[in-house]
């Protein structure tokens, strides 16, 4: 956002473009990515029908 206060027109335009890009990346990361990951993962909510000895895998690769 500091570049938008520049006296040079090209620097001001670059600042506006960068600010817009950062906003869209933030928007995608916070609002769009979590639902996409849930759909891609394919897991369903736990409905309580698990056996007592069933384990749940939590963690890395």
PDB file of N, CA and C in Angstrom:
ATOM      1  N   UNK A   1       0.807  -1.202   0.000  1.00  0.00           N
ATOM      2  CA  UNK A   1       0.000   0.000   0.000  1.00  0.00           C
ATOM      3  C   UNK A   1       0.848   1.263   0.000  1.00  0.00           C
ATOM      4  N   UNK A   2       2.080   1.151   0.408  1.00  0.00           N
ATOM      5  CA  UNK A   2       2.946   2.326   0.435  1.00  0.00           C
ATOM      6  C   UNK A   2       3.222   2.833  -0.976  1.00  0.00           C
ATOM      7  N   UNK A   3       3.239   1.935  -1.954  1.00  0.00           N
ATOM      8  CA  UNK A   3       3.515   2.362  -3.324  1.00  0.00           C
ATOM      9  C   UNK A   3       2.380   3.205  -3.906  1.00  0.00           C
ATOM     10  N   UNK A   4       1.172   3.083  -3.372  1.00  0.00           N
ATOM     11  CA  UNK A   4       0.052   3.865  -3.900  1.00  0.00           C
ATOM     12  C   UNK A   4       0.188   5.351  -3.570  1.00  0.00           C
ATOM     13  N   UNK A   5       1.072   5.699  -2.645  1.00  0.00           N
ATOM     14  CA  UNK A   5       1.293   7.102  -2.291  1.00  0.00           C
ATOM     15  C   UNK A   5       2.423   7.730  -3.097  1.00  0.00           C
ATOM     16  N   UNK A   6       2.965   7.007  -4.055  1.00  0.00           N
ATOM     17  CA  UNK A   6       4.098   7.494  -4.837  1.00  0.00           C
ATOM     18  C   UNK A   6       3.668   8.587  -5.813  1.00  0.00           C
ATOM     19  N   UNK A   7       4.607   9.461  -6.132  1.00  0.00           N
ATOM     20  CA  UNK A   7       4.351  10.508  -7.123  1.00  0.00           C
ATOM     21  C   UNK A   7       4.449   9.973  -8.550  1.00  0.00           C
ATOM     22  N   UNK A   8       5.205   8.898  -8.736  1.00  0.00           N
ATOM     23  CA  UNK A   8       5.347   8.305 -10.064  1.00  0.00           C
ATOM     24  C   UNK A   8       4.119   7.460 -10.388  1.00  0.00           C
ATOM     25  N   UNK A   9       3.541   7.705 -11.562  1.00  0.00           N
ATOM     26  CA  UNK A   9       2.309   7.027 -11.948  1.00  0.00           C
ATOM     27  C   UNK A   9       2.518   5.517 -12.048  1.00  0.00           C
ATOM     28  N   UNK A  10       3.628   5.094 -12.638  1.00  0.00           N
ATOM     29  CA  UNK A  10       3.873   3.658 -12.792  1.00  0.00           C
ATOM     30  C   UNK A  10       4.006   2.960 -11.442  1.00  0.00           C
ATOM     31  N   UNK A  11       4.667   3.608 -10.496  1.00  0.00           N
ATOM     32  CA  UNK A  11       4.813   3.015  -9.161  1.00  0.00           C
ATOM     33  C   UNK A  11       3.458   2.941  -8.458  1.00  0.00           C
ATOM     34  N   UNK A  12       2.643   3.979  -8.629  1.00  0.00           N
ATOM     35  CA  UNK A  12       1.314   3.991  -8.024  1.00  0.00           C
ATOM     36  C   UNK A  12       0.453   2.870  -8.597  1.00  0.00           C
ATOM     37  N   UNK A  13       0.506   2.691  -9.913  1.00  0.00           N
ATOM     38  CA  UNK A  13      -0.266   1.625 -10.548  1.00  0.00           C
ATOM     39  C   UNK A  13       0.223   0.250 -10.117  1.00  0.00           C
ATOM     40  N   UNK A  14       1.536   0.108  -9.971  1.00  0.00           N
ATOM     41  CA  UNK A  14       2.070  -1.165  -9.509  1.00  0.00           C
ATOM     42  C   UNK A  14       1.618  -1.438  -8.071  1.00  0.00           C
ATOM     43  N   UNK A  15       1.588  -0.412  -7.238  1.00  0.00           N
ATOM     44  CA  UNK A  15       1.119  -0.568  -5.866  1.00  0.00           C
ATOM     45  C   UNK A  15      -0.334  -0.992  -5.802  1.00  0.00           C
ATOM     46  N   UNK A  16      -1.152  -0.407  -6.673  1.00  0.00           N
ATOM     47  CA  UNK A  16      -2.565  -0.787  -6.718  1.00  0.00           C
ATOM     48  C   UNK A  16      -2.727  -2.228  -7.176  1.00  0.00           C
ATOM     49  N   UNK A  17      -1.963  -2.622  -8.187  1.00  0.00           N
ATOM     50  CA  UNK A  17      -2.043  -3.997  -8.689  1.00  0.00           C
ATOM     51  C   UNK A  17      -1.573  -4.995  -7.634  1.00  0.00           C
ATOM     52  N   UNK A  18      -0.498  -4.669  -6.937  1.00  0.00           N
ATOM     53  CA  UNK A  18       0.005  -5.561  -5.891  1.00  0.00           C
ATOM     54  C   UNK A  18      -0.980  -5.665  -4.734  1.00  0.00           C
ATOM     55  N   UNK A  19      -1.576  -4.552  -4.331  1.00  0.00           N
ATOM     56  CA  UNK A  19      -2.554  -4.575  -3.247  1.00  0.00           C
ATOM     57  C   UNK A  19      -3.764  -5.418  -3.632  1.00  0.00           C
ATOM     58  N   UNK A  20      -4.196  -5.298  -4.876  1.00  0.00           N
ATOM     59  CA  UNK A  20      -5.321  -6.096  -5.352  1.00  0.00           C
ATOM     60  C   UNK A  20      -4.973  -7.581  -5.367  1.00  0.00           C
ATOM     61  N   UNK A  21      -3.773  -7.907  -5.807  1.00  0.00           N
ATOM     62  CA  UNK A  21      -3.335  -9.298  -5.818  1.00  0.00           C
ATOM     63  C   UNK A  21      -3.235  -9.885  -4.427  1.00  0.00           C
ATOM     64  N   UNK A  22      -2.725  -9.108  -3.488  1.00  0.00           N
ATOM     65  CA  UNK A  22      -2.629  -9.576  -2.101  1.00  0.00           C
ATOM     66  C   UNK A  22      -4.019  -9.798  -1.520  1.00  0.00           C
ATOM     67  N   UNK A  23      -4.954  -8.893  -1.818  1.00  0.00           N
ATOM     68  CA  UNK A  23      -6.326  -9.062  -1.339  1.00  0.00           C
ATOM     69  C   UNK A  23      -6.942 -10.339  -1.884  1.00  0.00           C
ATOM     70  N   UNK A  24      -6.781 -10.607  -3.172  1.00  0.00           N
ATOM     71  CA  UNK A  24      -7.368 -11.809  -3.751  1.00  0.00           C
ATOM     72  C   UNK A  24      -6.726 -13.079  -3.209  1.00  0.00           C
ATOM     73  N   UNK A  25      -5.436 -13.048  -2.954  1.00  0.00           N
ATOM     74  CA  UNK A  25      -4.771 -14.211  -2.347  1.00  0.00           C
ATOM     75  C   UNK A  25      -5.287 -14.449  -0.936  1.00  0.00           C
ATOM     76  N   UNK A  26      -5.462 -13.384  -0.177  1.00  0.00           N
ATOM     77  CA  UNK A  26      -6.014 -13.510   1.171  1.00  0.00           C
ATOM     78  C   UNK A  26      -7.433 -14.059   1.118  1.00  0.00           C
ATOM     79  N   UNK A  27      -8.234 -13.543   0.194  1.00  0.00           N
ATOM     80  CA  UNK A  27      -9.608 -14.009   0.024  1.00  0.00           C
ATOM     81  C   UNK A  27      -9.636 -15.496  -0.312  1.00  0.00           C
ATOM     82  N   UNK A  28      -8.795 -15.913  -1.237  1.00  0.00           N
ATOM     83  CA  UNK A  28      -8.764 -17.319  -1.637  1.00  0.00           C
ATOM     84  C   UNK A  28      -8.305 -18.211  -0.494  1.00  0.00           C
ATOM     85  N   UNK A  29      -7.324 -17.769   0.252  1.00  0.00           N
ATOM     86  CA  UNK A  29      -6.778 -18.595   1.330  1.00  0.00           C
ATOM     87  C   UNK A  29      -7.746 -18.723   2.500  1.00  0.00           C
ATOM     88  N   UNK A  30      -8.511 -17.690   2.790  1.00  0.00           N
ATOM     89  CA  UNK A  30      -9.371 -17.728   3.966  1.00  0.00           C
ATOM     90  C   UNK A  30     -10.790 -18.200   3.683  1.00  0.00           C
ATOM     91  N   UNK A  31     -11.325 -17.901   2.521  1.00  0.00           N
ATOM     92  CA  UNK A  31     -12.719 -18.231   2.257  1.00  0.00           C
ATOM     93  C   UNK A  31     -12.924 -19.371   1.264  1.00  0.00           C
ATOM     94  N   UNK A  32     -12.021 -19.556   0.342  1.00  0.00           N
ATOM     95  CA  UNK A  32     -12.238 -20.560  -0.695  1.00  0.00           C
ATOM     96  C   UNK A  32     -11.465 -21.845  -0.460  1.00  0.00           C
ATOM     97  N   UNK A  33     -10.284 -21.766   0.103  1.00  0.00           N
ATOM     98  CA  UNK A  33      -9.451 -22.948   0.267  1.00  0.00           C
ATOM     99  C   UNK A  33     -10.029 -23.979   1.235  1.00  0.00           C
ATOM    100  N   UNK A  34     -10.527 -23.607   2.419  1.00  0.00           N
ATOM    101  CA  UNK A  34     -11.060 -24.634   3.322  1.00  0.00           C
ATOM    102  C   UNK A  34     -12.199 -25.474   2.733  1.00  0.00           C
ATOM    103  N   UNK A  35     -13.213 -24.878   2.082  1.00  0.00           N
ATOM    104  CA  UNK A  35     -14.247 -25.728   1.483  1.00  0.00           C
ATOM    105  C   UNK A  35     -13.713 -26.627   0.364  1.00  0.00           C
ATOM    106  N   UNK A  36     -12.773 -26.129  -0.408  1.00  0.00           N
ATOM    107  CA  UNK A  36     -12.191 -26.943  -1.474  1.00  0.00           C
ATOM    108  C   UNK A  36     -11.453 -28.136  -0.879  1.00  0.00           C
ATOM    109  N   UNK A  37     -10.739 -27.931   0.208  1.00  0.00           N
ATOM    110  CA  UNK A  37     -10.025 -29.029   0.854  1.00  0.00           C
ATOM    111  C   UNK A  37     -10.985 -30.064   1.421  1.00  0.00           C
ATOM    112  N   UNK A  38     -12.107 -29.628   1.972  1.00  0.00           N
ATOM    113  CA  UNK A  38     -13.094 -30.571   2.507  1.00  0.00           C
ATOM    114  C   UNK A  38     -13.686 -31.401   1.381  1.00  0.00           C
ATOM    115  N   UNK A  39     -14.033 -30.771   0.283  1.00  0.00           N
ATOM    116  CA  UNK A  39     -14.614 -31.498  -0.849  1.00  0.00           C
ATOM    117  C   UNK A  39     -13.589 -32.449  -1.456  1.00  0.00           C
ATOM    118  N   UNK A  40     -12.371 -31.995  -1.604  1.00  0.00           N
ATOM    119  CA  UNK A  40     -11.325 -32.824  -2.198  1.00  0.00           C
ATOM    120  C   UNK A  40     -10.971 -34.010  -1.312  1.00  0.00           C
ATOM    121  N   UNK A  41     -11.002 -33.815   0.006  1.00  0.00           N
ATOM    122  CA  UNK A  41     -10.639 -34.872   0.943  1.00  0.00           C
ATOM    123  C   UNK A  41     -11.653 -36.011   0.909  1.00  0.00           C
ATOM    124  N   UNK A  42     -12.916 -35.696   0.777  1.00  0.00           N
ATOM    125  CA  UNK A  42     -13.939 -36.723   0.647  1.00  0.00           C
ATOM    126  C   UNK A  42     -14.382 -37.349   1.953  1.00  0.00           C
ATOM    127  N   UNK A  43     -13.871 -36.908   3.073  1.00  0.00           N
ATOM    128  CA  UNK A  43     -14.304 -37.464   4.356  1.00  0.00           C
ATOM    129  C   UNK A  43     -15.648 -36.890   4.746  1.00  0.00           C
ATOM    130  N   UNK A  44     -16.377 -37.679   5.484  1.00  0.00           N
ATOM    131  CA  UNK A  44     -17.681 -37.244   5.971  1.00  0.00           C
ATOM    132  C   UNK A  44     -17.595 -36.975   7.465  1.00  0.00           C
ATOM    133  N   UNK A  45     -18.611 -36.322   7.978  1.00  0.00           N
ATOM    134  CA  UNK A  45     -18.680 -36.102   9.418  1.00  0.00           C
ATOM    135  C   UNK A  45     -18.861 -37.428  10.134  1.00  0.00           C
ATOM    136  N   UNK A  46     -18.436 -37.473  11.370  1.00  0.00           N
ATOM    137  CA  UNK A  46     -18.616 -38.665  12.184  1.00  0.00           C
ATOM    138  C   UNK A  46     -20.075 -38.734  12.623  1.00  0.00           C
ATOM    139  N   UNK A  47     -20.748 -39.834  12.293  1.00  0.00           N
ATOM    140  CA  UNK A  47     -22.150 -39.975  12.675  1.00  0.00           C
ATOM    141  C   UNK A  47     -22.329 -40.814  13.937  1.00  0.00           C
ATOM    142  N   UNK A  48     -21.248 -41.171  14.596  1.00  0.00           N
ATOM    143  CA  UNK A  48     -21.335 -41.903  15.848  1.00  0.00           C
ATOM    144  C   UNK A  48     -21.449 -43.401  15.693  1.00  0.00           C
ATOM    145  N   UNK A  49     -21.289 -43.933  14.494  1.00  0.00           N
ATOM    146  CA  UNK A  49     -21.435 -45.366  14.258  1.00  0.00           C
ATOM    147  C   UNK A  49     -20.111 -46.115  14.284  1.00  0.00           C
ATOM    148  N   UNK A  50     -19.074 -45.502  14.786  1.00  0.00           N
ATOM    149  CA  UNK A  50     -17.786 -46.188  14.863  1.00  0.00           C
ATOM    150  C   UNK A  50     -17.784 -47.184  16.002  1.00  0.00           C
ATOM    151  N   UNK A  51     -17.027 -48.249  15.814  1.00  0.00           N
ATOM    152  CA  UNK A  51     -16.827 -49.193  16.905  1.00  0.00           C
ATOM    153  C   UNK A  51     -15.875 -48.583  17.913  1.00  0.00           C
ATOM    154  N   UNK A  52     -15.870 -49.149  19.100  1.00  0.00           N
ATOM    155  CA  UNK A  52     -15.043 -48.599  20.159  1.00  0.00           C
ATOM    156  C   UNK A  52     -13.560 -48.714  19.838  1.00  0.00           C
ATOM    157  N   UNK A  53     -13.139 -49.759  19.129  1.00  0.00           N
ATOM    158  CA  UNK A  53     -11.730 -49.987  18.850  1.00  0.00           C
ATOM    159  C   UNK A  53     -11.251 -49.323  17.566  1.00  0.00           C
ATOM    160  N   UNK A  54     -12.138 -48.741  16.806  1.00  0.00           N
ATOM    161  CA  UNK A  54     -11.717 -48.074  15.571  1.00  0.00           C
ATOM    162  C   UNK A  54     -10.838 -46.878  15.903  1.00  0.00           C
ATOM    163  N   UNK A  55      -9.801 -46.725  15.132  1.00  0.00           N
ATOM    164  CA  UNK A  55      -8.903 -45.599  15.363  1.00  0.00           C
ATOM    165  C   UNK A  55      -9.090 -44.561  14.263  1.00  0.00           C
ATOM    166  N   UNK A  56      -8.691 -43.370  14.571  1.00  0.00           N
ATOM    167  CA  UNK A  56      -8.759 -42.266  13.620  1.00  0.00           C
ATOM    168  C   UNK A  56      -7.337 -41.841  13.323  1.00  0.00           C
ATOM    169  N   UNK A  57      -7.001 -41.737  12.037  1.00  0.00           N
ATOM    170  CA  UNK A  57      -5.667 -41.285  11.652  1.00  0.00           C
ATOM    171  C   UNK A  57      -5.641 -39.770  11.675  1.00  0.00           C
ATOM    172  N   UNK A  58      -4.781 -39.231  12.496  1.00  0.00           N
ATOM    173  CA  UNK A  58      -4.603 -37.783  12.584  1.00  0.00           C
ATOM    174  C   UNK A  58      -3.136 -37.495  12.358  1.00  0.00           C
ATOM    175  N   UNK A  59      -2.856 -36.674  11.379  1.00  0.00           N
ATOM    176  CA  UNK A  59      -1.466 -36.284  11.240  1.00  0.00           C
ATOM    177  C   UNK A  59      -0.936 -36.325   9.836  1.00  0.00           C
ATOM    178  N   UNK A  60       0.365 -36.251   9.794  1.00  0.00           N
ATOM    179  CA  UNK A  60       1.135 -35.995   8.586  1.00  0.00           C
ATOM    180  C   UNK A  60       1.022 -37.013   7.478  1.00  0.00           C
ATOM    181  N   UNK A  61       1.998 -36.956   6.630  1.00  0.00           N
ATOM    182  CA  UNK A  61       1.985 -37.772   5.433  1.00  0.00           C
ATOM    183  C   UNK A  61       2.548 -39.071   5.725  1.00  0.00           C
TER     184      UNK A  61
END
